[in-house]
């Protein structure tokens, strides 16, 4: 999911802060929804939450961040 799509979801949910990184913005959305804010927290990129909207982007982002690159 690209940042424009994530920002649109954030706006729908009342989450502000378009200056945030992808990781920070997704976690803010997760908190707003009452979910665990776990996006890209496992450096191995493992996730067992198959019902998560962020599932496709989460493991690659976590692995990339663990490799020293910031999103």
Protein backbone atom coordinates (compact mmCIF):
# COMPACT_ATOMS: atom_id res chain seq x y z
CA UNK A 1 0.00 0.00 0.00
CA UNK A 2 1.43 3.38 -0.89
CA UNK A 3 1.57 6.43 1.39
CA UNK A 4 -1.29 8.19 -0.38
CA UNK A 5 -3.57 5.23 0.35
CA UNK A 6 -2.38 5.04 3.96
CA UNK A 7 -2.93 8.78 4.46
CA UNK A 8 -6.47 8.40 3.09
CA UNK A 9 -7.20 5.60 5.57
CA UNK A 10 -5.70 7.70 8.36
CA UNK A 11 -7.93 10.64 7.44
CA UNK A 12 -11.01 8.41 7.42
CA UNK A 13 -10.12 7.21 10.92
CA UNK A 14 -9.33 10.70 12.23
CA UNK A 15 -5.60 10.10 12.53
CA UNK A 16 -3.50 13.19 11.86
CA UNK A 17 0.18 13.60 11.15
CA UNK A 18 0.89 13.34 7.45
CA UNK A 19 4.56 14.01 8.26
CA UNK A 20 4.87 10.59 9.92
CA UNK A 21 6.74 7.70 8.37
CA UNK A 22 4.78 4.78 6.96
CA UNK A 23 5.57 2.71 10.03
CA UNK A 24 4.49 5.46 12.45
CA UNK A 25 1.31 6.27 10.55
CA UNK A 26 0.17 2.64 10.28
CA UNK A 27 0.81 2.13 13.99
CA UNK A 28 -1.22 5.25 14.79
CA UNK A 29 -4.09 3.87 12.70
CA UNK A 30 -3.81 0.53 14.50
CA UNK A 31 -4.01 2.28 17.90
CA UNK A 32 -7.00 4.36 16.75
CA UNK A 33 -8.78 1.14 15.77
CA UNK A 34 -8.07 -0.36 19.19
CA UNK A 35 -5.67 -2.90 17.70
CA UNK A 36 -2.19 -3.82 18.82
CA UNK A 37 0.21 -1.40 17.10
CA UNK A 38 2.57 -4.05 15.80
CA UNK A 39 3.24 -2.93 12.21
CA UNK A 40 6.82 -3.86 11.20
CA UNK A 41 7.92 -4.67 14.75
CA UNK A 42 9.30 -8.17 14.13
CA UNK A 43 12.78 -7.87 12.58
CA UNK A 44 12.40 -11.32 11.03
CA UNK A 45 9.25 -10.12 9.26
CA UNK A 46 7.08 -12.84 10.77
CA UNK A 47 3.41 -12.32 11.48
CA UNK A 48 0.59 -14.65 12.40
CA UNK A 49 -2.24 -12.11 12.01
CA UNK A 50 -3.80 -13.21 8.75
CA UNK A 51 -6.78 -10.85 9.08
CA UNK A 52 -4.70 -7.66 9.22
CA UNK A 53 -5.12 -4.94 6.59
CA UNK A 54 -1.37 -4.28 6.72
CA UNK A 55 -0.29 -7.92 6.32
CA UNK A 56 1.12 -7.52 2.81
CA UNK A 57 3.36 -4.56 3.68
CA UNK A 58 4.32 -5.50 7.23
CA UNK A 59 6.91 -8.29 6.80
CA UNK A 60 8.86 -6.61 3.98
CA UNK A 61 8.92 -3.32 5.91
CA UNK A 62 10.10 -5.05 9.09
CA UNK A 63 12.86 -6.90 7.25
CA UNK A 64 13.94 -3.75 5.40
CA UNK A 65 14.03 -1.73 8.64
CA UNK A 66 16.02 -4.48 10.38
CA UNK A 67 18.56 -4.22 7.58
CA UNK A 68 19.28 -0.61 8.48
CA UNK A 69 16.97 1.20 6.10
CA UNK A 70 14.27 3.41 7.56
CA UNK A 71 10.85 3.69 5.94
